[in-house]
Protein backbone atom coordinates (compact mmCIF):
# COMPACT_ATOMS: atom_id res chain seq x y z
CA MET A 1 17.28 0.73 9.95
CA HIS A 2 15.22 2.24 7.19
CA PHE A 3 14.44 0.49 3.92
CA ILE A 4 12.82 1.49 0.67
CA VAL A 5 10.57 -1.01 -1.08
CA PHE A 6 9.87 -0.80 -4.80
CA ALA A 7 7.53 -3.49 -6.07
CA THR A 8 5.88 -4.12 -9.41
CA ILE A 9 2.41 -5.67 -9.69
CA ARG A 10 2.03 -8.45 -12.26
CA GLU A 11 0.29 -6.94 -15.30
CA GLU A 12 -2.34 -9.67 -15.51
CA MET A 13 -3.23 -9.30 -11.82
CA GLU A 14 -4.98 -5.90 -11.76
CA GLN A 15 -8.37 -7.31 -10.69
CA ALA A 16 -6.73 -9.45 -8.00
CA ARG A 17 -4.79 -6.39 -6.77
CA GLU A 18 -8.02 -4.40 -6.54
CA ARG A 19 -9.58 -7.20 -4.46
CA GLN A 20 -6.56 -7.20 -2.11
CA SER A 21 -6.01 -3.43 -1.89
CA ASP A 22 -8.08 -2.86 1.27
CA ALA A 23 -6.45 -5.83 3.01
CA PHE A 24 -3.01 -4.57 1.95
CA ALA A 25 -3.72 -1.07 3.29
CA ALA A 26 -4.96 -2.56 6.58
CA TYR A 27 -1.81 -4.72 6.79
CA LEU A 28 0.41 -1.65 6.42
CA ARG A 29 -1.38 0.07 9.33
CA ASP A 30 -1.77 -2.92 11.68
CA ARG A 31 1.37 -2.99 13.83
CA THR A 32 0.07 -6.02 15.75
CA ARG A 33 0.68 -8.13 12.64
CA HIS A 34 4.27 -6.86 12.27
CA PRO A 35 5.37 -5.25 15.55
CA ASP A 36 9.01 -5.00 14.47
CA VAL A 37 8.26 -3.15 11.20
CA ALA A 38 6.90 0.40 10.96
CA VAL A 39 5.63 1.84 7.69
CA HIS A 40 6.49 5.55 7.50
CA HIS A 41 5.38 6.35 3.97
CA GLY A 42 3.80 4.41 1.17
CA GLY A 43 1.58 4.39 -1.83
CA PRO A 44 1.00 3.00 -5.27
CA THR A 45 3.17 3.79 -8.25
CA LEU A 46 1.35 4.65 -11.45
CA GLY A 47 1.77 3.94 -15.14
CA ASP A 48 2.67 6.56 -17.72
CA ASN A 49 -0.97 7.67 -17.90
CA GLY A 50 -0.81 8.69 -14.23
CA GLU A 51 -3.82 6.56 -13.36
CA ALA A 52 -3.23 2.80 -13.66
CA VAL A 53 -1.57 1.27 -10.60
CA ASN A 54 1.54 -0.68 -11.57
CA GLY A 55 3.33 -1.13 -8.26
CA LEU A 56 4.10 0.37 -4.89
CA CYS A 57 6.73 2.27 -2.99
CA LEU A 58 7.17 2.07 0.78
CA VAL A 59 9.54 3.51 3.36
CA VAL A 60 9.75 1.11 6.29
CA GLU A 61 11.75 0.82 9.46
CA ALA A 62 12.79 -2.71 10.37
CA PRO A 63 15.50 -4.39 12.43
CA SER A 64 17.13 -5.99 9.36
CA LEU A 65 16.96 -6.43 5.62
CA ASP A 66 15.58 -9.94 6.14
CA ALA A 67 12.80 -8.57 8.36
CA ALA A 68 11.87 -5.96 5.74
CA ARG A 69 11.78 -8.62 3.00
CA ALA A 70 9.69 -10.93 5.20
CA PHE A 71 7.26 -8.06 5.83
CA VAL A 72 6.69 -7.66 2.07
CA ALA A 73 6.39 -11.41 1.51
CA ALA A 74 3.83 -11.76 4.33
CA SER A 75 1.66 -8.92 2.98
CA PRO A 76 -1.63 -9.70 1.23
CA TYR A 77 0.03 -8.81 -2.11
CA GLY A 78 2.95 -11.12 -1.37
CA GLN A 79 0.72 -13.95 -0.18
CA ALA A 80 -1.48 -13.67 -3.30
CA ASP A 81 1.64 -13.72 -5.54
CA LEU A 82 0.70 -10.36 -7.05
CA LEU A 83 4.25 -9.00 -7.11
CA ALA A 84 6.25 -9.56 -10.28
CA GLU A 85 9.26 -7.96 -8.65
CA SER A 86 10.09 -6.64 -5.21
CA ASN A 87 13.26 -4.71 -4.39
CA VAL A 88 14.05 -3.92 -0.77
CA ARG A 89 17.10 -1.77 -0.14
CA PRO A 90 18.65 -0.20 2.94
CA TRP A 91 18.03 3.53 2.84
CA LYS A 92 19.66 6.49 4.54
CA TRP A 93 16.96 9.03 5.32
CA LEU A 94 18.33 12.54 4.76
CA THR A 95 15.41 14.93 4.14
CA GLY A 96 11.75 15.07 5.03
CA ARG A 97 12.22 12.92 8.09
CA PRO A 98 9.28 13.02 10.52
CA ALA A 99 9.91 14.50 13.96
């Protein structure tokens, strides 16, 4: 199943997010740490100024909603309690699907 993840970074945690950003990016790419979850697309969401990072959006493939939620919770951002909010929803992929 595919899932979309929308998460918001705590406003007061920008410096902590910057310190964790490389580890978070590595986590997304390292399938050995989460062999049952594949990240297809992802990136930061930005504030109204188009520059300041305020969250993230991911498209993941996981065996269940619980597995997708556990993947987010186990991430460096989740472990450092940087996420003010995290929404994980089942998603039906209609366009732009990779071959």
